[in-house]
Amino acid sequence: MSRKIFILILGGTPEAYDLTIKLQLKFTCLYSLAGVAPTRRPPPANHRIGGFGGVEGLIDFLRETGVTHLIDGTHPFATTMTYHARVACDALDIPRLIFQRPAWIPSLEDRWIHRRTVEEAAMSFPAAGNRPFLALGRRDADIFARIPGLSPILRLIQGEAPSPNWTLVHGRGPFTAMEETTLLDRLGADSLVCKNSGGSSGAAKLDAARTLGLPILMIDRPPLESGPVTADPSGIEGWIGGQGVAQE
């Protein structure tokens, strides 16, 4: 008798959330959130919040709960969790799929300056300007506090700016291109710093920078772990049933 399918979905993106809602109609799913950031919507009925305790903790969790498939739908920059998922699934021979939305691609009108890390982006200042709009989390934004002569603009859902000479804006997206253009123009931003997260929900800030002619210091995605990857949810049921293989 074949084992009952039990899918662990590592979430944290709108796409992973929507995929869970779809898959749980046919399969037993467990949606897992790290619990770092507030969520816009309540998680699916069957969910957990919190870490696993590293690779060994994840291996124990997968073994004890009887997970048969793992879908990694974490943020493209959540490299530690993606690494842990690969090592744990390899150890237990559990099929693993990376479900990741496509990266943004610059248009001819965009002025992108590619950087590999947040640290590299920070070191581009003050040569790149002194009033960057930081579309980053607080932890990454702290790196810019080490650069003298900057008066950055930082938007957070909640919390405080790392320095009193920063301009702090509280807000929760998604935002429209018009809202982002108005905000960047009103606050006098001279550049935009962001990660290439992809997806439609955060693309409005790129439209705003394009409209205002601002350079974008774009932090490129880290290399992916090995294994099957897809951005298309339509083929995932086939992968679960062993009838299709996602692109590598």
Foldseek 3Di string as FASTA:
>chain_A
DDDAAEEEEEEDDPVSQVLCVVCVVPGHYEYEEQPPDDDPDDGPPHYDYHDQPALVSVLVVCVVVVHQEYEYAHFLQPVRVLVSVVVSCVVVVHHYEYAAADFDDDDPLAAEDEDADLLRVLVCPPVQPAEEEEPDDQVSQVSNVVPPRHAYEYEDCDDDHPDPSHHYHHDDDQDALVVLLVVCVVSVHQAYEDERRDDDSNCSNRSSCSVVVHYYHYHYGDDHDDDAYDNDSPCVVCVSVVNDTHHD
